[in-house]
Amino acid sequence: DFLPVERAAAWIAALARDPPGGVVNIGSGVATPLGTLVRAVIEGFGVGRLVVESEAPRDRFVLAVERLRRLVPDATISAAEILEAALRIGRRLRQAG
């Protein structure tokens, strides 16, 4: 469950303006495999490779974000937006290097 920091900050700020109390998971609610995310960063960077030593799935989870979405109705993001954020990270890394 990955989420661009800009989105997380906006959603946290919305919650902070009217604190609901209790637990509110902050997450995308979108299952994004780490390898997919890494490949997007590599694509944005322009060079690199992903070495997978084991294809065994591990630690799969997606946060339950139903309460977040009830409290902050615009707290949604698509898989495409998550991958675009990863591409931007790669591009920023290339520019910084």
PDB file of N, CA and C in Angstrom:
ATOM      1  N   ASP A   1       0.859  -1.168   0.000  1.00  0.00           N
ATOM      2  CA  ASP A   1       0.000   0.000   0.000  1.00  0.00           C
ATOM      3  C   ASP A   1       0.904   1.229   0.000  1.00  0.00           C
ATOM      4  N   PHE A   2       1.074   1.825  -1.173  1.00  0.00           N
ATOM      5  CA  PHE A   2       1.942   2.984  -1.322  1.00  0.00           C
ATOM      6  C   PHE A   2       1.104   4.219  -1.586  1.00  0.00           C
ATOM      7  N   LEU A   3       1.627   5.362  -1.181  1.00  0.00           N
ATOM      8  CA  LEU A   3       0.894   6.602  -1.312  1.00  0.00           C
ATOM      9  C   LEU A   3       1.887   7.744  -1.475  1.00  0.00           C
ATOM     10  N   PRO A   4       1.747   8.573  -2.512  1.00  0.00           N
ATOM     11  CA  PRO A   4       2.625   9.727  -2.652  1.00  0.00           C
ATOM     12  C   PRO A   4       2.507  10.654  -1.435  1.00  0.00           C
ATOM     13  N   VAL A   5       3.613  11.166  -0.988  1.00  0.00           N
ATOM     14  CA  VAL A   5       3.648  11.971   0.233  1.00  0.00           C
ATOM     15  C   VAL A   5       2.744  13.197   0.137  1.00  0.00           C
ATOM     16  N   GLU A   6       2.612  13.777  -1.053  1.00  0.00           N
ATOM     17  CA  GLU A   6       1.752  14.954  -1.204  1.00  0.00           C
ATOM     18  C   GLU A   6       0.292  14.618  -0.888  1.00  0.00           C
ATOM     19  N   ARG A   7      -0.135  13.452  -1.333  1.00  0.00           N
ATOM     20  CA  ARG A   7      -1.511  13.026  -1.039  1.00  0.00           C
ATOM     21  C   ARG A   7      -1.671  12.751   0.450  1.00  0.00           C
ATOM     22  N   ALA A   8      -0.719  12.029   1.021  1.00  0.00           N
ATOM     23  CA  ALA A   8      -0.798  11.712   2.446  1.00  0.00           C
ATOM     24  C   ALA A   8      -0.875  12.995   3.268  1.00  0.00           C
ATOM     25  N   ALA A   9      -0.031  13.972   2.945  1.00  0.00           N
ATOM     26  CA  ALA A   9      -0.017  15.234   3.688  1.00  0.00           C
ATOM     27  C   ALA A   9      -1.365  15.944   3.594  1.00  0.00           C
ATOM     28  N   ALA A  10      -1.942  15.976   2.411  1.00  0.00           N
ATOM     29  CA  ALA A  10      -3.237  16.640   2.224  1.00  0.00           C
ATOM     30  C   ALA A  10      -4.325  15.947   3.042  1.00  0.00           C
ATOM     31  N   TRP A  11      -4.318  14.633   3.029  1.00  0.00           N
ATOM     32  CA  TRP A  11      -5.346  13.893   3.764  1.00  0.00           C
ATOM     33  C   TRP A  11      -5.155  14.041   5.271  1.00  0.00           C
ATOM     34  N   ILE A  12      -3.911  14.024   5.727  1.00  0.00           N
ATOM     35  CA  ILE A  12      -3.636  14.219   7.156  1.00  0.00           C
ATOM     36  C   ILE A  12      -4.075  15.625   7.574  1.00  0.00           C
ATOM     37  N   ALA A  13      -3.784  16.622   6.747  1.00  0.00           N
ATOM     38  CA  ALA A  13      -4.202  17.992   7.056  1.00  0.00           C
ATOM     39  C   ALA A  13      -5.717  18.085   7.160  1.00  0.00           C
ATOM     40  N   ALA A  14      -6.438  17.424   6.254  1.00  0.00           N
ATOM     41  CA  ALA A  14      -7.906  17.434   6.304  1.00  0.00           C
ATOM     42  C   ALA A  14      -8.407  16.817   7.600  1.00  0.00           C
ATOM     43  N   LEU A  15      -7.789  15.742   8.025  1.00  0.00           N
ATOM     44  CA  LEU A  15      -8.182  15.099   9.278  1.00  0.00           C
ATOM     45  C   LEU A  15      -7.825  15.967  10.481  1.00  0.00           C
ATOM     46  N   ALA A  16      -6.697  16.665  10.403  1.00  0.00           N
ATOM     47  CA  ALA A  16      -6.254  17.499  11.515  1.00  0.00           C
ATOM     48  C   ALA A  16      -7.173  18.700  11.727  1.00  0.00           C
ATOM     49  N   ARG A  17      -7.806  19.173  10.656  1.00  0.00           N
ATOM     50  CA  ARG A  17      -8.732  20.306  10.782  1.00  0.00           C
ATOM     51  C   ARG A  17      -9.959  19.954  11.612  1.00  0.00           C
ATOM     52  N   ASP A  18     -10.344  18.689  11.582  1.00  0.00           N
ATOM     53  CA  ASP A  18     -11.504  18.222  12.353  1.00  0.00           C
ATOM     54  C   ASP A  18     -11.197  16.812  12.838  1.00  0.00           C
ATOM     55  N   PRO A  19     -10.345  16.679  13.873  1.00  0.00           N
ATOM     56  CA  PRO A  19      -9.886  15.354  14.314  1.00  0.00           C
ATOM     57  C   PRO A  19     -11.047  14.429  14.676  1.00  0.00           C
ATOM     58  N   PRO A  20     -11.079  13.252  14.050  1.00  0.00           N
ATOM     59  CA  PRO A  20     -12.207  12.348  14.271  1.00  0.00           C
ATOM     60  C   PRO A  20     -12.054  11.488  15.528  1.00  0.00           C
ATOM     61  N   GLY A  21     -10.841  11.381  16.059  1.00  0.00           N
ATOM     62  CA  GLY A  21     -10.594  10.466  17.158  1.00  0.00           C
ATOM     63  C   GLY A  21     -10.516   9.044  16.654  1.00  0.00           C
ATOM     64  N   GLY A  22      -9.894   8.197  17.413  1.00  0.00           N
ATOM     65  CA  GLY A  22      -9.767   6.803  17.026  1.00  0.00           C
ATOM     66  C   GLY A  22      -8.704   6.594  15.957  1.00  0.00           C
ATOM     67  N   VAL A  23      -8.732   5.426  15.366  1.00  0.00           N
ATOM     68  CA  VAL A  23      -7.734   5.038  14.373  1.00  0.00           C
ATOM     69  C   VAL A  23      -8.252   5.324  12.969  1.00  0.00           C
ATOM     70  N   VAL A  24      -7.397   5.963  12.166  1.00  0.00           N
ATOM     71  CA  VAL A  24      -7.699   6.196  10.757  1.00  0.00           C
ATOM     72  C   VAL A  24      -6.462   5.775   9.979  1.00  0.00           C
ATOM     73  N   ASN A  25      -6.579   4.725   9.190  1.00  0.00           N
ATOM     74  CA  ASN A  25      -5.463   4.297   8.343  1.00  0.00           C
ATOM     75  C   ASN A  25      -5.291   5.282   7.202  1.00  0.00           C
ATOM     76  N   ILE A  26      -4.053   5.698   6.977  1.00  0.00           N
ATOM     77  CA  ILE A  26      -3.740   6.582   5.860  1.00  0.00           C
ATOM     78  C   ILE A  26      -3.033   5.722   4.825  1.00  0.00           C
ATOM     79  N   GLY A  27      -3.675   5.485   3.717  1.00  0.00           N
ATOM     80  CA  GLY A  27      -3.094   4.652   2.670  1.00  0.00           C
ATOM     81  C   GLY A  27      -3.883   4.802   1.384  1.00  0.00           C
ATOM     82  N   SER A  28      -3.359   4.201   0.342  1.00  0.00           N
ATOM     83  CA  SER A  28      -4.015   4.290  -0.963  1.00  0.00           C
ATOM     84  C   SER A  28      -5.192   3.336  -1.079  1.00  0.00           C
ATOM     85  N   GLY A  29      -5.106   2.214  -0.397  1.00  0.00           N
ATOM     86  CA  GLY A  29      -6.120   1.181  -0.568  1.00  0.00           C
ATOM     87  C   GLY A  29      -5.971   0.451  -1.889  1.00  0.00           C
ATOM     88  N   VAL A  30      -4.842   0.691  -2.568  1.00  0.00           N
ATOM     89  CA  VAL A  30      -4.578   0.087  -3.870  1.00  0.00           C
ATOM     90  C   VAL A  30      -3.417  -0.887  -3.728  1.00  0.00           C
ATOM     91  N   ALA A  31      -3.643  -2.127  -4.108  1.00  0.00           N
ATOM     92  CA  ALA A  31      -2.572  -3.130  -4.038  1.00  0.00           C
ATOM     93  C   ALA A  31      -1.574  -2.857  -5.156  1.00  0.00           C
ATOM     94  N   THR A  32      -0.354  -2.473  -4.791  1.00  0.00           N
ATOM     95  CA  THR A  32       0.689  -2.181  -5.763  1.00  0.00           C
ATOM     96  C   THR A  32       1.906  -3.028  -5.421  1.00  0.00           C
ATOM     97  N   PRO A  33       2.244  -4.005  -6.238  1.00  0.00           N
ATOM     98  CA  PRO A  33       3.433  -4.810  -5.957  1.00  0.00           C
ATOM     99  C   PRO A  33       4.689  -3.930  -5.957  1.00  0.00           C
ATOM    100  N   LEU A  34       5.567  -4.186  -5.030  1.00  0.00           N
ATOM    101  CA  LEU A  34       6.796  -3.410  -4.902  1.00  0.00           C
ATOM    102  C   LEU A  34       7.602  -3.428  -6.197  1.00  0.00           C
ATOM    103  N   GLY A  35       7.673  -4.568  -6.863  1.00  0.00           N
ATOM    104  CA  GLY A  35       8.417  -4.652  -8.117  1.00  0.00           C
ATOM    105  C   GLY A  35       7.868  -3.711  -9.174  1.00  0.00           C
ATOM    106  N   THR A  36       6.565  -3.559  -9.230  1.00  0.00           N
ATOM    107  CA  THR A  36       5.940  -2.646 -10.177  1.00  0.00           C
ATOM    108  C   THR A  36       6.332  -1.208  -9.865  1.00  0.00           C
ATOM    109  N   LEU A  37       6.330  -0.877  -8.596  1.00  0.00           N
ATOM    110  CA  LEU A  37       6.714   0.462  -8.169  1.00  0.00           C
ATOM    111  C   LEU A  37       8.183   0.731  -8.481  1.00  0.00           C
ATOM    112  N   VAL A  38       9.043  -0.233  -8.194  1.00  0.00           N
ATOM    113  CA  VAL A  38      10.475  -0.087  -8.466  1.00  0.00           C
ATOM    114  C   VAL A  38      10.728   0.070  -9.958  1.00  0.00           C
ATOM    115  N   ARG A  39      10.044  -0.698 -10.767  1.00  0.00           N
ATOM    116  CA  ARG A  39      10.219  -0.577 -12.220  1.00  0.00           C
ATOM    117  C   ARG A  39       9.841   0.828 -12.705  1.00  0.00           C
ATOM    118  N   ALA A  40       8.816   1.428 -12.113  1.00  0.00           N
ATOM    119  CA  ALA A  40       8.418   2.784 -12.494  1.00  0.00           C
ATOM    120  C   ALA A  40       9.496   3.792 -12.099  1.00  0.00           C
ATOM    121  N   VAL A  41      10.080   3.630 -10.918  1.00  0.00           N
ATOM    122  CA  VAL A  41      11.170   4.519 -10.502  1.00  0.00           C
ATOM    123  C   VAL A  41      12.352   4.371 -11.462  1.00  0.00           C
ATOM    124  N   ILE A  42      12.693   3.141 -11.799  1.00  0.00           N
ATOM    125  CA  ILE A  42      13.799   2.887 -12.737  1.00  0.00           C
ATOM    126  C   ILE A  42      13.491   3.519 -14.095  1.00  0.00           C
ATOM    127  N   GLU A  43      12.265   3.369 -14.562  1.00  0.00           N
ATOM    128  CA  GLU A  43      11.889   3.966 -15.846  1.00  0.00           C
ATOM    129  C   GLU A  43      12.063   5.484 -15.801  1.00  0.00           C
ATOM    130  N   GLY A  44      11.626   6.111 -14.722  1.00  0.00           N
ATOM    131  CA  GLY A  44      11.782   7.555 -14.583  1.00  0.00           C
ATOM    132  C   GLY A  44      13.240   7.973 -14.508  1.00  0.00           C
ATOM    133  N   PHE A  45      14.048   7.162 -13.852  1.00  0.00           N
ATOM    134  CA  PHE A  45      15.478   7.456 -13.722  1.00  0.00           C
ATOM    135  C   PHE A  45      16.205   7.272 -15.049  1.00  0.00           C
ATOM    136  N   GLY A  46      15.750   6.301 -15.830  1.00  0.00           N
ATOM    137  CA  GLY A  46      16.311   6.088 -17.160  1.00  0.00           C
ATOM    138  C   GLY A  46      17.254   4.921 -17.277  1.00  0.00           C
ATOM    139  N   VAL A  47      17.832   4.465 -16.196  1.00  0.00           N
ATOM    140  CA  VAL A  47      18.717   3.303 -16.203  1.00  0.00           C
ATOM    141  C   VAL A  47      18.542   2.542 -14.904  1.00  0.00           C
ATOM    142  N   GLY A  48      18.922   1.293 -14.931  1.00  0.00           N
ATOM    143  CA  GLY A  48      18.854   0.463 -13.734  1.00  0.00           C
ATOM    144  C   GLY A  48      18.190  -0.852 -14.052  1.00  0.00           C
ATOM    145  N   ARG A  49      18.216  -1.720 -13.079  1.00  0.00           N
ATOM    146  CA  ARG A  49      17.548  -3.005 -13.253  1.00  0.00           C
ATOM    147  C   ARG A  49      17.098  -3.511 -11.900  1.00  0.00           C
ATOM    148  N   LEU A  50      16.090  -4.304 -11.936  1.00  0.00           N
ATOM    149  CA  LEU A  50      15.536  -4.925 -10.742  1.00  0.00           C
ATOM    150  C   LEU A  50      15.985  -6.374 -10.721  1.00  0.00           C
ATOM    151  N   VAL A  51      16.637  -6.775  -9.642  1.00  0.00           N
ATOM    152  CA  VAL A  51      17.074  -8.156  -9.486  1.00  0.00           C
ATOM    153  C   VAL A  51      16.155  -8.814  -8.462  1.00  0.00           C
ATOM    154  N   VAL A  52      15.444  -9.840  -8.891  1.00  0.00           N
ATOM    155  CA  VAL A  52      14.529 -10.570  -8.019  1.00  0.00           C
ATOM    156  C   VAL A  52      15.166 -11.902  -7.680  1.00  0.00           C
ATOM    157  N   GLU A  53      15.420 -12.109  -6.406  1.00  0.00           N
ATOM    158  CA  GLU A  53      16.055 -13.362  -5.980  1.00  0.00           C
ATOM    159  C   GLU A  53      15.045 -14.442  -5.647  1.00  0.00           C
ATOM    160  N   SER A  54      13.819 -14.047  -5.389  1.00  0.00           N
ATOM    161  CA  SER A  54      12.783 -15.018  -5.083  1.00  0.00           C
ATOM    162  C   SER A  54      11.448 -14.488  -5.572  1.00  0.00           C
ATOM    163  N   GLU A  55      10.710 -15.321  -6.263  1.00  0.00           N
ATOM    164  CA  GLU A  55       9.381 -14.957  -6.752  1.00  0.00           C
ATOM    165  C   GLU A  55       8.296 -15.233  -5.717  1.00  0.00           C
ATOM    166  N   ALA A  56       8.690 -15.752  -4.569  1.00  0.00           N
ATOM    167  CA  ALA A  56       7.717 -16.096  -3.530  1.00  0.00           C
ATOM    168  C   ALA A  56       7.044 -14.831  -3.007  1.00  0.00           C
ATOM    169  N   PRO A  57       5.718 -14.772  -3.064  1.00  0.00           N
ATOM    170  CA  PRO A  57       5.032 -13.585  -2.539  1.00  0.00           C
ATOM    171  C   PRO A  57       5.184 -13.519  -1.017  1.00  0.00           C
ATOM    172  N   ARG A  58       5.450 -12.295  -0.535  1.00  0.00           N
ATOM    173  CA  ARG A  58       5.598 -12.103   0.908  1.00  0.00           C
ATOM    174  C   ARG A  58       4.956 -10.782   1.302  1.00  0.00           C
ATOM    175  N   ASP A  59       4.463 -10.740   2.499  1.00  0.00           N
ATOM    176  CA  ASP A  59       3.999  -9.499   3.113  1.00  0.00           C
ATOM    177  C   ASP A  59       2.993  -8.723   2.265  1.00  0.00           C
ATOM    178  N   ARG A  60       2.065  -9.415   1.658  1.00  0.00           N
ATOM    179  CA  ARG A  60       1.035  -8.727   0.871  1.00  0.00           C
ATOM    180  C   ARG A  60       0.004  -8.122   1.817  1.00  0.00           C
ATOM    181  N   PHE A  61      -0.279  -6.848   1.629  1.00  0.00           N
ATOM    182  CA  PHE A  61      -1.334  -6.223   2.406  1.00  0.00           C
ATOM    183  C   PHE A  61      -1.794  -4.937   1.728  1.00  0.00           C
ATOM    184  N   VAL A  62      -2.994  -4.558   2.050  1.00  0.00           N
ATOM    185  CA  VAL A  62      -3.560  -3.281   1.645  1.00  0.00           C
ATOM    186  C   VAL A  62      -4.288  -2.752   2.867  1.00  0.00           C
ATOM    187  N   LEU A  63      -4.023  -1.505   3.199  1.00  0.00           N
ATOM    188  CA  LEU A  63      -4.682  -0.928   4.362  1.00  0.00           C
ATOM    189  C   LEU A  63      -6.182  -0.788   4.134  1.00  0.00           C
ATOM    190  N   ALA A  64      -6.933  -0.998   5.185  1.00  0.00           N
ATOM    191  CA  ALA A  64      -8.374  -0.765   5.143  1.00  0.00           C
ATOM    192  C   ALA A  64      -8.580   0.745   5.294  1.00  0.00           C
ATOM    193  N   VAL A  65      -9.025   1.394   4.232  1.00  0.00           N
ATOM    194  CA  VAL A  65      -9.125   2.853   4.232  1.00  0.00           C
ATOM    195  C   VAL A  65     -10.571   3.352   4.135  1.00  0.00           C
ATOM    196  N   GLU A  66     -11.516   2.492   4.441  1.00  0.00           N
ATOM    197  CA  GLU A  66     -12.918   2.883   4.340  1.00  0.00           C
ATOM    198  C   GLU A  66     -13.234   4.073   5.244  1.00  0.00           C
ATOM    199  N   ARG A  67     -12.701   4.060   6.469  1.00  0.00           N
ATOM    200  CA  ARG A  67     -12.978   5.164   7.396  1.00  0.00           C
ATOM    201  C   ARG A  67     -12.350   6.455   6.873  1.00  0.00           C
ATOM    202  N   LEU A  68     -11.134   6.383   6.376  1.00  0.00           N
ATOM    203  CA  LEU A  68     -10.490   7.558   5.785  1.00  0.00           C
ATOM    204  C   LEU A  68     -11.368   8.146   4.688  1.00  0.00           C
ATOM    205  N   ARG A  69     -11.875   7.300   3.813  1.00  0.00           N
ATOM    206  CA  ARG A  69     -12.682   7.782   2.685  1.00  0.00           C
ATOM    207  C   ARG A  69     -14.028   8.357   3.125  1.00  0.00           C
ATOM    208  N   ARG A  70     -14.559   7.846   4.224  1.00  0.00           N
ATOM    209  CA  ARG A  70     -15.790   8.441   4.756  1.00  0.00           C
ATOM    210  C   ARG A  70     -15.501   9.833   5.325  1.00  0.00           C
ATOM    211  N   LEU A  71     -14.362   9.972   5.996  1.00  0.00           N
ATOM    212  CA  LEU A  71     -14.004  11.237   6.633  1.00  0.00           C
ATOM    213  C   LEU A  71     -13.453  12.267   5.650  1.00  0.00           C
ATOM    214  N   VAL A  72     -12.732  11.789   4.646  1.00  0.00           N
ATOM    215  CA  VAL A  72     -12.122  12.666   3.637  1.00  0.00           C
ATOM    216  C   VAL A  72     -12.542  12.111   2.271  1.00  0.00           C
ATOM    217  N   PRO A  73     -13.697  12.544   1.773  1.00  0.00           N
ATOM    218  CA  PRO A  73     -14.245  11.940   0.550  1.00  0.00           C
ATOM    219  C   PRO A  73     -13.310  11.961  -0.657  1.00  0.00           C
ATOM    220  N   ASP A  74     -12.411  12.936  -0.741  1.00  0.00           N
ATOM    221  CA  ASP A  74     -11.504  12.960  -1.897  1.00  0.00           C
ATOM    222  C   ASP A  74     -10.227  12.160  -1.648  1.00  0.00           C
ATOM    223  N   ALA A  75     -10.203  11.343  -0.623  1.00  0.00           N
ATOM    224  CA  ALA A  75      -9.029  10.515  -0.296  1.00  0.00           C
ATOM    225  C   ALA A  75      -9.011   9.261  -1.164  1.00  0.00           C
ATOM    226  N   THR A  76      -8.875   9.481  -2.452  1.00  0.00           N
ATOM    227  CA  THR A  76      -8.789   8.367  -3.392  1.00  0.00           C
ATOM    228  C   THR A  76      -7.611   8.608  -4.331  1.00  0.00           C
ATOM    229  N   ILE A  77      -7.060   7.523  -4.821  1.00  0.00           N
ATOM    230  CA  ILE A  77      -5.966   7.590  -5.781  1.00  0.00           C
ATOM    231  C   ILE A  77      -6.005   6.316  -6.605  1.00  0.00           C
ATOM    232  N   SER A  78      -5.647   6.427  -7.852  1.00  0.00           N
ATOM    233  CA  SER A  78      -5.656   5.255  -8.729  1.00  0.00           C
ATOM    234  C   SER A  78      -4.273   4.624  -8.803  1.00  0.00           C
ATOM    235  N   ALA A  79      -4.238   3.403  -9.278  1.00  0.00           N
ATOM    236  CA  ALA A  79      -2.957   2.725  -9.495  1.00  0.00           C
ATOM    237  C   ALA A  79      -2.095   3.523 -10.469  1.00  0.00           C
ATOM    238  N   ALA A  80      -2.714   4.095 -11.490  1.00  0.00           N
ATOM    239  CA  ALA A  80      -1.976   4.888 -12.481  1.00  0.00           C
ATOM    240  C   ALA A  80      -1.338   6.115 -11.835  1.00  0.00           C
ATOM    241  N   GLU A  81      -2.037   6.758 -10.911  1.00  0.00           N
ATOM    242  CA  GLU A  81      -1.480   7.926 -10.226  1.00  0.00           C
ATOM    243  C   GLU A  81      -0.303   7.537  -9.322  1.00  0.00           C
ATOM    244  N   ILE A  82      -0.401   6.379  -8.702  1.00  0.00           N
ATOM    245  CA  ILE A  82       0.701   5.903  -7.856  1.00  0.00           C
ATOM    246  C   ILE A  82       1.935   5.648  -8.719  1.00  0.00           C
ATOM    247  N   LEU A  83       1.758   5.013  -9.857  1.00  0.00           N
ATOM    248  CA  LEU A  83       2.891   4.738 -10.746  1.00  0.00           C
ATOM    249  C   LEU A  83       3.462   6.020 -11.346  1.00  0.00           C
ATOM    250  N   GLU A  84       2.617   6.983 -11.638  1.00  0.00           N
ATOM    251  CA  GLU A  84       3.107   8.275 -12.146  1.00  0.00           C
ATOM    252  C   GLU A  84       3.961   8.965 -11.080  1.00  0.00           C
ATOM    253  N   ALA A  85       3.564   8.871  -9.824  1.00  0.00           N
ATOM    254  CA  ALA A  85       4.367   9.449  -8.734  1.00  0.00           C
ATOM    255  C   ALA A  85       5.722   8.753  -8.657  1.00  0.00           C
ATOM    256  N   ALA A  86       5.755   7.447  -8.856  1.00  0.00           N
ATOM    257  CA  ALA A  86       7.018   6.705  -8.848  1.00  0.00           C
ATOM    258  C   ALA A  86       7.907   7.138 -10.017  1.00  0.00           C
ATOM    259  N   LEU A  87       7.316   7.356 -11.175  1.00  0.00           N
ATOM    260  CA  LEU A  87       8.069   7.867 -12.328  1.00  0.00           C
ATOM    261  C   LEU A  87       8.690   9.226 -12.001  1.00  0.00           C
ATOM    262  N   ARG A  88       7.919  10.097 -11.357  1.00  0.00           N
ATOM    263  CA  ARG A  88       8.432  11.427 -10.991  1.00  0.00           C
ATOM    264  C   ARG A  88       9.595  11.310 -10.010  1.00  0.00           C
ATOM    265  N   ILE A  89       9.523  10.358  -9.094  1.00  0.00           N
ATOM    266  CA  ILE A  89      10.636  10.139  -8.164  1.00  0.00           C
ATOM    267  C   ILE A  89      11.895   9.787  -8.941  1.00  0.00           C
ATOM    268  N   GLY A  90      11.768   8.869  -9.889  1.00  0.00           N
ATOM    269  CA  GLY A  90      12.916   8.484 -10.716  1.00  0.00           C
ATOM    270  C   GLY A  90      13.487   9.670 -11.472  1.00  0.00           C
ATOM    271  N   ARG A  91      12.624  10.505 -12.028  1.00  0.00           N
ATOM    272  CA  ARG A  91      13.083  11.682 -12.773  1.00  0.00           C
ATOM    273  C   ARG A  91      13.813  12.663 -11.869  1.00  0.00           C
ATOM    274  N   ARG A  92      13.273  12.872 -10.658  1.00  0.00           N
ATOM    275  CA  ARG A  92      13.942  13.777  -9.707  1.00  0.00           C
ATOM    276  C   ARG A  92      15.299  13.229  -9.299  1.00  0.00           C
ATOM    277  N   LEU A  93      15.385  11.917  -9.110  1.00  0.00           N
ATOM    278  CA  LEU A  93      16.670  11.307  -8.763  1.00  0.00           C
ATOM    279  C   LEU A  93      17.690  11.502  -9.888  1.00  0.00           C
ATOM    280  N   ARG A  94      17.248  11.338 -11.126  1.00  0.00           N
ATOM    281  CA  ARG A  94      18.140  11.534 -12.280  1.00  0.00           C
ATOM    282  C   ARG A  94      18.639  12.980 -12.321  1.00  0.00           C
ATOM    283  N   GLN A  95      17.757  13.928 -12.109  1.00  0.00           N
ATOM    284  CA  GLN A  95      18.124  15.347 -12.148  1.00  0.00           C
ATOM    285  C   GLN A  95      19.066  15.713 -10.994  1.00  0.00           C
ATOM    286  N   ALA A  96      18.889  15.056  -9.850  1.00  0.00           N
ATOM    287  CA  ALA A  96      19.721  15.367  -8.678  1.00  0.00           C
ATOM    288  C   ALA A  96      21.126  14.774  -8.823  1.00  0.00           C
ATOM    289  N   GLY A  97      21.243  13.717  -9.635  1.00  0.00           N
ATOM    290  CA  GLY A  97      22.520  13.009  -9.730  1.00  0.00           C
ATOM    291  C   GLY A  97      23.398  13.586 -10.745  1.00  0.00           C
TER     292      GLY A  97
END
